[in-house]
């Protein structure tokens, strides 16, 4: 209930098990910084009211600020960075391949002041669960235990036989999913890998989950004819949507490069940003006239999208704002990692790796 308007959100029998009820105002979303009241009514099949609960009040979030300052870093004489992850804004790792003084490093580290090369364990993707529990995947699979980077894909193993990996996500080091260039996904249970029952038409580009039973993955490449959005419900992988270069009917615009979500809302993007909520798909459109290669956030009113032409855009819960002063032809930012007060985007200009660190302007 908001003001004097009552809306029925759900109708269940008294035998129903615990159920999550989502209020999205009929797909239109709730107002920002607004209180909503919720209550239940026990009634008979004929509509006779037997009991009414106390009202529970919830308040929606307000818009966040678009005010950020940034600094760009060029690392090494040549190289590229594909992915980034951290525990906090003073402990961030980026992966790819960076050439410094005739040595190629796969992992570089940010301590809040400077970027330092730390390991040759490079790849296309990085994800972690703490400062001593970090995974990197690409042509090999590495795990960092706080002291050293150790290979986890011995010859003959399922992990080894299904490289090259392009993305990874999980709930813990005992529940990880690796997407590869061959359109396959490998699940890691902490001891061994197992191929998931999915075979995509293109390389997996990104994977992200809301929890262990709600995982999304996208496929696609720059010149691919087909892109796909897959969903895992904890039991099976399902194909949810297809993108093509010239979409018709229910088809979407390919390619899909990235996926991220929070609560019950999923965003996936490439040339076009799409929003999926409660099984309802909505086209958000283009962001700043640039292709989106990476999207991430902390909550639904603090989301960053990065991509071609060094584009960085921020969603504050109301609108997308593109930092026009950052736009430069020739630089592509491949992915982004976000905190409440900062964002780190990584990529390259075709020759050397590029990093943009944004901090909220206080």
Foldseek 3Di string as FASTA:
>chain_A
DADPDDDDQDDDDPPDDDDDTDDQPVVVRDDAFGKDKDKDFDADPVGHTDDIDDIDIDTHHHFDDPFKDKDKDFAAQFWKWAEKDAPDPQWIKIATWHHHPNDIAGIWTHRPPDIGGDHNPGANEKDADDCQFIWHAAQFIWTGRNPDTDTDADPPAPRNVQDGFNEKDADHCQFIWTWHQQQWIWTHRNRGIDTAPTGDPGGWQYKDAQHLQWIWTKGADPPDQKIWIWTGRNPHIDTLAMAGCDDDDRHHHDDWAEWDDYDQWIWIFFQWIWIAGPNDIDTPGGAPSFTWQEKDADDPQFIWTFFAQRWIWTHRPPDIDIPVVSGHHQWTFRYWDDDPFKMKTWTGRNTTIMIMIMGRDD
